[in-house]
Protein backbone atom coordinates (compact mmCIF):
# COMPACT_ATOMS: atom_id res chain seq x y z
CA MET A 1 20.34 28.54 -8.02
CA LYS A 2 17.24 29.42 -10.02
CA GLN A 3 14.29 27.17 -9.19
CA ALA A 4 12.59 25.53 -12.16
CA LYS A 5 8.95 26.32 -12.86
CA ILE A 6 6.15 24.24 -14.33
CA SER A 7 5.70 24.93 -18.03
CA SER A 8 3.43 22.07 -19.09
CA ILE A 9 1.17 19.42 -17.54
CA GLN A 10 -0.69 16.87 -19.64
CA ALA A 11 -2.52 13.66 -18.82
CA MET A 12 -3.69 10.55 -20.63
CA GLU A 13 -5.71 7.43 -19.91
CA ILE A 14 -3.72 4.20 -19.48
CA LEU A 15 -4.50 0.75 -18.04
CA ASP A 16 -3.57 -0.56 -14.60
CA SER A 17 -2.62 -4.12 -13.65
CA ARG A 18 -6.26 -5.24 -13.67
CA GLY A 19 -6.82 -3.84 -17.14
CA ASN A 20 -8.87 -0.92 -15.82
CA PRO A 21 -8.23 2.69 -16.83
CA THR A 22 -6.12 4.99 -14.70
CA VAL A 23 -4.35 8.33 -15.11
CA ARG A 24 -0.82 9.04 -16.31
CA VAL A 25 0.54 12.57 -15.99
CA PHE A 26 3.41 14.19 -17.90
CA ILE A 27 5.14 17.32 -16.59
CA GLU A 28 7.71 19.59 -18.23
CA LEU A 29 9.67 22.33 -16.48
CA ASP A 30 11.15 25.50 -17.94
CA ASP A 31 14.66 24.09 -17.49
CA GLY A 32 13.82 21.19 -19.81
CA THR A 33 13.24 18.61 -17.07
CA THR A 34 10.44 16.14 -17.73
CA SER A 35 8.77 13.51 -15.56
CA VAL A 36 5.92 11.02 -15.67
CA ALA A 37 3.74 9.49 -12.95
CA SER A 38 0.97 6.88 -13.03
CA VAL A 39 -1.78 6.50 -10.44
CA PRO A 40 -2.71 3.19 -8.75
CA SER A 41 -6.24 2.03 -7.87
CA GLY A 42 -7.64 -0.02 -4.99
CA ALA A 43 -10.26 -2.80 -4.92
CA SER A 44 -10.99 -3.06 -1.20
CA THR A 45 -11.45 0.57 -0.29
CA GLY A 46 -12.41 2.45 2.85
CA GLU A 47 -15.60 4.51 2.89
CA ASN A 48 -13.69 7.72 3.62
CA GLU A 49 -11.00 7.39 0.97
CA ALA A 50 -10.39 10.18 -1.49
CA ILE A 51 -12.54 9.60 -4.57
CA GLU A 52 -11.27 8.26 -7.87
CA LEU A 53 -13.17 10.06 -10.59
CA ARG A 54 -14.65 7.58 -13.06
CA ASP A 55 -16.62 8.52 -16.18
CA GLN A 56 -19.66 6.28 -15.47
CA ASP A 57 -20.03 5.94 -19.26
CA THR A 58 -21.06 2.32 -19.70
CA SER A 59 -20.15 2.38 -23.39
CA ARG A 60 -16.44 2.51 -22.41
CA TYR A 61 -14.65 0.19 -19.99
CA ALA A 62 -17.93 -0.65 -18.20
CA GLY A 63 -18.10 2.90 -16.90
CA LYS A 64 -14.59 2.86 -15.42
CA GLY A 65 -13.01 5.26 -17.90
CA VAL A 66 -11.05 8.24 -16.55
CA LEU A 67 -11.42 10.73 -19.41
CA LYS A 68 -13.07 13.23 -17.04
CA ALA A 69 -10.10 13.06 -14.68
CA VAL A 70 -7.74 13.45 -17.66
CA ALA A 71 -9.71 16.48 -18.83
CA ASN A 72 -9.53 17.98 -15.33
CA VAL A 73 -5.76 17.71 -15.45
CA ASN A 74 -5.48 19.21 -18.90
CA GLU A 75 -8.15 21.89 -18.68
CA LYS A 76 -8.41 22.92 -15.01
CA LEU A 77 -5.38 21.90 -12.97
CA SER A 78 -2.70 22.53 -15.58
CA PRO A 79 -3.60 26.23 -16.11
CA ALA A 80 -3.81 26.79 -12.35
CA LEU A 81 -0.33 25.38 -11.76
CA PHE A 82 1.43 26.92 -14.75
CA GLY A 83 4.50 28.88 -13.70
CA MET A 84 4.59 27.59 -10.12
CA THR A 85 7.99 26.68 -8.67
CA VAL A 86 8.23 22.89 -8.86
CA THR A 87 9.97 22.47 -5.49
CA GLU A 88 7.01 24.02 -3.65
CA GLN A 89 5.29 20.66 -3.25
CA SER A 90 3.03 21.65 -0.37
CA LEU A 91 1.87 24.82 -2.09
CA ILE A 92 1.18 23.00 -5.35
CA ASP A 93 -0.75 20.25 -3.56
CA GLN A 94 -2.74 22.77 -1.54
CA THR A 95 -3.56 24.74 -4.69
CA MET A 96 -5.09 21.61 -6.20
CA ILE A 97 -6.98 20.78 -2.98
CA ASP A 98 -8.42 24.30 -2.88
CA LEU A 99 -9.36 24.20 -6.56
CA ASP A 100 -11.19 20.91 -6.01
CA GLY A 101 -13.03 22.35 -3.01
CA THR A 102 -14.29 19.08 -1.48
CA ASP A 103 -13.15 17.02 1.50
CA ASN A 104 -12.64 13.88 -0.56
CA LYS A 105 -11.40 15.33 -3.89
CA SER A 106 -14.59 14.18 -5.60
CA ASN A 107 -14.84 17.26 -7.82
CA LEU A 108 -11.62 16.98 -9.82
CA GLY A 109 -10.76 13.43 -8.75
CA ALA A 110 -8.02 12.14 -6.46
CA ASN A 111 -6.63 10.26 -9.45
CA ALA A 112 -6.16 13.54 -11.33
CA ILE A 113 -4.67 15.35 -8.33
CA LEU A 114 -2.34 12.55 -7.24
CA GLY A 115 -0.96 12.05 -10.74
CA ILE A 116 0.19 15.66 -10.76
CA SER A 117 1.43 15.53 -7.16
CA MET A 118 3.64 12.51 -7.86
CA ALA A 119 4.91 13.89 -11.17
CA VAL A 120 5.75 17.23 -9.51
CA ALA A 121 7.84 15.50 -6.82
CA ARG A 122 9.68 13.42 -9.40
CA ALA A 123 10.30 16.43 -11.65
CA ALA A 124 11.58 18.49 -8.72
CA ALA A 125 14.00 15.73 -7.72
CA LYS A 126 15.32 15.46 -11.27
CA SER A 127 15.65 19.23 -11.56
CA VAL A 128 17.81 19.52 -8.44
CA ARG A 129 19.71 16.35 -9.42
CA LEU A 130 18.76 14.22 -6.44
CA PRO A 131 17.30 10.72 -6.36
CA LEU A 132 13.61 10.89 -5.45
CA TYR A 133 14.06 9.12 -2.10
CA GLN A 134 16.68 11.67 -1.06
CA TYR A 135 14.71 14.65 -2.33
CA LEU A 136 11.65 13.59 -0.30
CA GLY A 137 13.50 12.16 2.70
CA GLY A 138 16.62 14.26 3.03
CA ALA A 139 20.29 13.34 3.23
CA GLY A 140 19.58 10.81 5.99
CA ALA A 141 17.27 8.65 3.87
CA LYS A 142 19.16 5.37 3.85
CA ARG A 143 16.93 2.75 5.46
CA LEU A 144 15.68 0.10 3.07
CA THR A 145 12.29 -1.42 3.70
CA ILE A 146 11.61 -4.98 4.76
CA PRO A 147 9.54 -6.48 1.91
CA CYS A 148 6.31 -7.85 3.38
CA MET A 149 5.63 -10.14 0.45
CA ASN A 150 2.07 -11.25 -0.23
CA ILE A 151 2.31 -14.97 -0.95
CA ILE A 152 -1.29 -16.13 -0.43
CA ASN A 153 -4.30 -14.02 -1.50
CA GLY A 154 -7.86 -14.35 -0.27
CA GLY A 155 -10.95 -12.22 0.29
CA GLU A 156 -11.77 -9.76 -2.48
CA HIS A 157 -8.37 -10.19 -4.10
CA SER A 158 -9.05 -13.74 -5.27
CA ASP A 159 -11.71 -16.30 -6.10
CA ASN A 160 -11.07 -18.88 -3.40
CA ASN A 161 -12.33 -19.98 0.02
CA VAL A 162 -9.97 -17.89 2.16
CA ASP A 163 -11.33 -14.94 4.16
CA ILE A 164 -8.02 -13.26 5.05
CA GLN A 165 -7.08 -11.02 2.15
CA GLU A 166 -3.29 -11.18 2.47
CA PHE A 167 -0.82 -13.59 4.02
CA MET A 168 2.62 -12.01 3.88
CA ALA A 169 6.12 -13.42 4.42
CA VAL A 170 8.33 -10.94 6.29
CA PRO A 171 12.13 -11.51 6.18
CA ILE A 172 12.94 -9.98 9.57
CA GLY A 173 16.17 -11.96 10.00
CA ALA A 174 17.86 -11.04 6.73
CA PRO A 175 21.00 -8.85 6.87
CA THR A 176 20.14 -6.71 3.83
CA PHE A 177 17.20 -5.87 1.60
CA ARG A 178 18.72 -7.89 -1.21
CA GLU A 179 18.93 -10.97 1.00
CA GLY A 180 15.49 -10.35 2.49
CA LEU A 181 13.99 -10.26 -0.98
CA ARG A 182 15.76 -13.50 -1.77
CA TYR A 183 14.44 -15.17 1.40
CA VAL A 184 10.81 -14.46 0.57
CA ALA A 185 11.12 -15.01 -3.18
CA GLU A 186 12.57 -18.45 -2.51
CA THR A 187 9.77 -19.16 -0.04
CA PHE A 188 7.21 -18.08 -2.65
CA HIS A 189 8.61 -20.56 -5.18
CA VAL A 190 8.73 -23.39 -2.63
CA LEU A 191 5.12 -22.60 -1.73
CA LYS A 192 4.18 -23.08 -5.36
CA LYS A 193 5.70 -26.56 -5.34
CA ILE A 194 3.84 -27.46 -2.14
CA LEU A 195 0.52 -26.29 -3.54
CA LYS A 196 1.12 -28.09 -6.81
CA LYS A 197 1.97 -31.33 -4.97
CA ARG A 198 -1.31 -31.03 -3.04
CA GLY A 199 -3.22 -30.60 -6.30
CA LEU A 200 -4.12 -27.00 -5.47
CA ALA A 201 -4.25 -24.06 -7.87
CA THR A 202 -1.09 -22.03 -8.38
CA SER A 203 -2.81 -19.20 -10.22
CA VAL A 204 -2.30 -15.81 -8.59
CA GLY A 205 -4.56 -13.06 -7.28
CA ASP A 206 -4.52 -9.33 -7.95
CA GLU A 207 -1.30 -8.75 -6.02
CA GLY A 208 0.58 -11.79 -7.27
CA GLY A 209 0.09 -14.17 -4.34
CA PHE A 210 -1.25 -17.65 -4.88
CA ALA A 211 -5.01 -18.09 -4.47
CA PRO A 212 -5.58 -21.76 -3.61
CA ASP A 213 -8.70 -23.33 -2.12
CA VAL A 214 -6.99 -24.51 1.04
CA ALA A 215 -8.91 -26.28 3.80
CA SER A 216 -9.24 -23.21 6.01
CA ASN A 217 -7.74 -19.84 6.87
CA GLU A 218 -5.47 -21.58 9.37
CA ASP A 219 -4.43 -24.13 6.76
CA ALA A 220 -3.04 -21.20 4.78
CA LEU A 221 -0.85 -20.32 7.78
CA GLU A 222 0.27 -23.92 8.24
CA THR A 223 1.16 -24.16 4.56
CA ILE A 224 3.23 -20.97 4.74
CA ILE A 225 5.15 -22.30 7.76
CA GLN A 226 5.84 -25.45 5.75
CA ALA A 227 7.09 -23.37 2.81
CA ILE A 228 9.39 -21.28 5.04
CA GLU A 229 10.93 -24.42 6.53
CA GLN A 230 11.31 -26.22 3.20
CA ALA A 231 13.01 -23.13 1.77
CA GLY A 232 15.64 -23.55 4.49
CA TYR A 233 14.56 -20.77 6.86
CA LYS A 234 13.40 -20.63 10.48
CA PRO A 235 9.86 -19.33 11.05
CA GLY A 236 9.90 -16.38 13.42
CA GLU A 237 13.66 -16.00 13.24
CA ASP A 238 14.44 -15.60 9.54
CA ILE A 239 10.91 -15.07 8.23
CA ALA A 240 7.83 -13.96 10.14
CA ILE A 241 4.21 -13.60 8.99
CA ALA A 242 2.00 -10.53 8.49
CA LEU A 243 -1.74 -10.61 7.82
CA ASP A 244 -4.27 -8.26 6.29
CA SER A 245 -7.79 -9.37 7.15
CA ALA A 246 -9.39 -6.51 5.18
CA ALA A 247 -12.28 -7.17 7.56
CA ASN A 248 -14.60 -4.76 5.75
CA SER A 249 -14.97 -7.47 3.13
CA PHE A 250 -16.61 -9.92 5.55
CA ALA A 251 -18.25 -7.43 7.92
CA VAL A 252 -22.04 -7.63 8.22
CA ASP A 253 -22.70 -4.16 9.63
CA MET A 254 -19.20 -2.57 9.96
CA LYS A 255 -19.81 -2.31 13.71
CA GLY A 256 -18.98 -5.69 15.21
CA ALA A 257 -20.80 -8.44 13.31
CA TYR A 258 -18.91 -10.57 10.79
CA ASP A 259 -19.54 -13.46 8.44
CA LEU A 260 -16.49 -15.43 7.32
CA LYS A 261 -18.38 -16.37 4.21
CA TRP A 262 -15.63 -17.55 1.90
CA SER A 263 -14.16 -20.19 4.22
CA GLY A 264 -17.52 -21.17 5.67
CA ALA A 265 -16.31 -20.41 9.21
CA GLY A 266 -19.59 -18.60 9.72
CA LYS A 267 -20.85 -15.66 11.72
CA MET A 268 -18.74 -14.11 14.46
CA GLN A 269 -18.57 -11.05 16.68
CA SER A 270 -15.54 -8.82 17.30
CA SER A 271 -14.78 -10.77 20.47
CA ASP A 272 -14.66 -14.04 18.51
CA LEU A 273 -12.19 -12.61 15.99
CA ILE A 274 -10.04 -11.23 18.80
CA SER A 275 -9.97 -14.62 20.51
CA LEU A 276 -9.04 -16.27 17.22
CA ALA A 277 -6.27 -13.70 16.69
CA LYS A 278 -4.86 -14.29 20.18
CA ASP A 279 -4.67 -18.03 19.48
CA TRP A 280 -2.95 -17.47 16.14
CA VAL A 281 -0.42 -15.00 17.56
CA LYS A 282 0.52 -17.58 20.22
CA LYS A 283 0.79 -20.37 17.67
CA TYR A 284 2.39 -18.64 14.66
CA PRO A 285 5.20 -16.06 14.23
CA ILE A 286 2.84 -13.18 13.39
CA VAL A 287 4.42 -9.73 13.72
CA LEU A 288 1.82 -7.51 12.04
CA TRP A 289 -1.95 -7.59 11.55
CA GLU A 290 -3.69 -5.09 9.30
CA ASP A 291 -7.42 -4.30 9.48
CA PRO A 292 -8.30 -7.19 11.80
CA LEU A 293 -11.73 -5.57 12.23
CA ALA A 294 -13.96 -3.34 10.11
CA GLU A 295 -13.58 0.41 9.69
CA GLY A 296 -16.69 1.19 11.74
CA ASP A 297 -15.76 -1.18 14.56
CA TRP A 298 -13.71 1.31 16.58
CA ALA A 299 -14.54 -0.37 19.88
CA GLY A 300 -13.47 -3.77 18.56
CA PHE A 301 -10.30 -2.32 17.06
CA LYS A 302 -9.42 -0.74 20.41
CA GLN A 303 -10.00 -4.02 22.23
CA PHE A 304 -7.87 -5.87 19.67
CA THR A 305 -5.03 -3.40 20.29
CA GLN A 306 -5.38 -3.66 24.06
CA GLU A 307 -5.14 -7.44 23.81
CA LEU A 308 -2.37 -7.72 21.20
CA GLY A 309 -0.77 -4.30 20.69
CA ASP A 310 2.17 -5.11 22.98
CA LYS A 311 2.94 -8.22 20.93
CA ILE A 312 2.37 -7.22 17.29
CA GLU A 313 1.96 -4.19 15.07
CA VAL A 314 -1.77 -3.46 14.72
CA VAL A 315 -2.29 -1.53 11.49
CA GLY A 316 -5.33 0.54 10.58
CA ASP A 317 -6.05 0.87 6.87
CA ASP A 318 -9.72 1.35 5.97
CA ILE A 319 -10.37 2.80 9.42
CA PHE A 320 -7.79 5.62 8.92
CA VAL A 321 -7.51 5.93 5.09
CA THR A 322 -4.20 7.86 5.35
CA ASN A 323 -6.22 10.79 6.65
CA THR A 324 -4.80 12.77 9.58
CA GLN A 325 -8.30 13.45 10.91
CA TYR A 326 -8.92 9.74 11.51
CA ILE A 327 -5.32 8.93 12.47
CA GLN A 328 -5.42 11.63 15.16
CA ARG A 329 -8.64 10.18 16.55
CA GLY A 330 -7.03 6.73 16.50
CA ILE A 331 -4.00 8.00 18.39
CA GLU A 332 -6.13 9.75 21.02
CA GLN A 333 -8.33 6.68 21.58
CA GLY A 334 -5.63 3.99 21.35
CA ILE A 335 -7.32 2.29 18.41
CA ALA A 336 -4.14 0.82 16.86
CA ASN A 337 -0.39 1.37 16.98
CA SER A 338 0.28 1.81 13.28
CA ALA A 339 -1.37 3.26 10.16
CA LEU A 340 -1.23 2.06 6.58
CA ILE A 341 -0.04 4.77 4.20
CA LYS A 342 -1.45 4.71 0.65
CA LEU A 343 -0.80 7.71 -1.58
CA ASN A 344 -4.03 7.43 -3.54
CA GLN A 345 -6.09 6.95 -0.39
CA ILE A 346 -5.57 10.63 0.51
CA GLY A 347 -4.61 11.99 -2.91
CA THR A 348 -1.40 14.05 -2.56
CA VAL A 349 2.22 13.46 -1.66
CA SER A 350 2.14 16.27 0.93
CA GLU A 351 -0.84 14.84 2.81
CA SER A 352 0.74 11.37 2.80
CA ILE A 353 3.92 12.82 4.33
CA GLU A 354 1.85 14.63 6.95
CA ALA A 355 0.14 11.34 7.89
CA VAL A 356 3.57 9.73 8.33
CA ARG A 357 4.73 12.66 10.46
CA MET A 358 1.69 12.35 12.70
CA CYS A 359 2.35 8.64 13.26
CA ARG A 360 6.02 9.25 13.98
CA ASP A 361 5.28 12.04 16.47
CA ALA A 362 2.86 9.76 18.34
CA GLY A 363 5.33 6.90 18.54
CA TRP A 364 3.30 4.84 16.09
CA ARG A 365 4.68 2.85 13.19
CA TYR A 366 3.45 3.31 9.63
CA PHE A 367 3.25 0.74 6.87
CA ILE A 368 3.76 1.97 3.29
CA SER A 369 1.55 0.19 0.77
CA HIS A 370 0.79 -0.31 -2.89
CA ARG A 371 -2.75 -0.88 -4.23
CA SER A 372 -4.23 -3.98 -5.83
CA GLY A 373 -4.55 -2.11 -9.13
CA GLU A 374 -0.97 -0.98 -9.83
CA THR A 375 1.21 0.26 -12.67
CA GLU A 376 4.90 -0.08 -13.47
CA ASP A 377 5.53 3.26 -11.73
CA THR A 378 8.20 2.88 -9.01
CA PHE A 379 7.42 6.08 -7.07
CA LEU A 380 6.31 3.98 -4.09
CA ALA A 381 9.76 2.41 -3.63
CA ASP A 382 11.48 5.79 -3.34
CA PHE A 383 8.70 7.11 -1.12
CA ALA A 384 9.07 4.15 1.26
CA VAL A 385 12.80 4.77 1.70
CA ALA A 386 12.23 8.52 2.07
CA MET A 387 9.69 7.97 4.87
CA ASP A 388 12.04 5.68 6.86
CA GLY A 389 9.20 3.38 7.91
CA GLY A 390 11.17 0.18 7.67
CA HIS A 391 8.58 -1.99 5.93
CA LEU A 392 6.60 -1.98 2.72
CA LYS A 393 4.02 -4.16 1.04
CA SER A 394 4.23 -4.24 -2.71
CA GLY A 395 2.83 -7.61 -3.67
CA SER A 396 4.41 -10.92 -4.51
CA ALA A 397 7.36 -12.28 -6.45
CA SER A 398 5.27 -12.29 -9.61
CA ARG A 399 3.56 -9.70 -11.83
CA SER A 400 5.84 -7.05 -13.27
CA GLU A 401 3.99 -4.11 -11.68
CA ARG A 402 4.98 -5.55 -8.25
CA ILE A 403 8.50 -6.63 -9.21
CA ALA A 404 9.23 -3.13 -10.56
CA LYS A 405 9.06 -1.73 -7.01
CA TYR A 406 11.35 -4.42 -5.61
CA ASN A 407 13.85 -3.91 -8.42
CA ARG A 408 13.88 -0.16 -7.76
CA LEU A 409 14.63 -0.88 -4.10
CA LEU A 410 17.54 -3.07 -5.20
CA GLU A 411 18.82 -0.12 -7.22
CA ILE A 412 18.48 2.21 -4.23
CA GLU A 413 20.36 -0.26 -2.03
CA ARG A 414 23.12 -0.35 -4.63
CA GLU A 415 23.27 3.47 -4.78
CA LEU A 416 23.48 3.74 -0.98
CA GLY A 417 26.23 1.14 -0.78
CA VAL A 418 27.66 0.55 2.70
CA SER A 419 25.47 3.30 4.19
CA ALA A 420 22.28 1.32 3.46
CA GLN A 421 20.41 0.10 6.55
CA TYR A 422 17.91 -2.72 6.94
CA TYR A 423 16.08 -3.60 10.13
CA TRP A 424 12.55 -4.21 11.46
């Protein structure tokens, strides 16, 4: 069978879920296949993430425009990739990396490069008449992800007095993805009623979770337990809890000093946060904790994992930034036991897959993730199934850019039929 080749690549500036510009890429192949991909954007970012190229022109979008990235797609990357075989994902991605010539994709922009990388994968899947999850994951891709649903937002994702950035409901006891989604969606709606009855705000943060001014970080946990029970489920059996501290946001020096400024809990050291975490893990059904400490606090992260890694999944996000260089160091030093995987954090589909492979080979888990600035693009849902990681965070049961991913997963479950699997 003749392999289709790239005949056209074009980009345009669109808006993400925060109303900020991002990149959308259109690809056409010589067999007539077309595809589109849109690039997400993060708010709480690691220092070593691949660089989003922004225009810095304050006369447009407060300097956040992406016309330079669009121009790099249209004028530099498109000519370089013209005529390449679309199924050669790794070669295409490496060609773009080489053309950029920097370690962090700051020359052409990770947003320009990732838009093409995602569109290429989608076009290739369409050209060979396979669903994207099967094209990327092979014939054995049949495991649906457990939806770790963000139901309370704090930190930099909201304007409230909660330090922890994400409190997630995790339907570990559901028999299927469809039922798991129902469990946490029902809990989300019950939570709204509880907050409303307490006179608290039911407005939502960037990722769709509620952003109330609760009494404390622990009060948020207590309120979630109440919501799980009132929704008719058993905490720890039907629905567990996952946390993302995003500790960079309240770190003083990135090396072990912290200031829980939003809640007023005050200044702490790594050891204080570890002690707090140990108490919470004993008291609440927590199964996963992401970025409990800052990206520069490698010693603290290691201690956290030594204390809790046999009880919960300890996920590194900002500390690893989906980069195999940092993940390998983390594996060698026992810094965590899982890595967050964000496509735009590293900038290509191929590099994201390599990060997953490294985790899998080391016996680590990996947690597929959206970004706080998202689009309606559902690439992430297919990617999560393809990578067989078993769990995904894609926001709450509100905001269409989050729901789009969940609805795509429902479609995939329907396509897989009785062969679909679902387990933690």
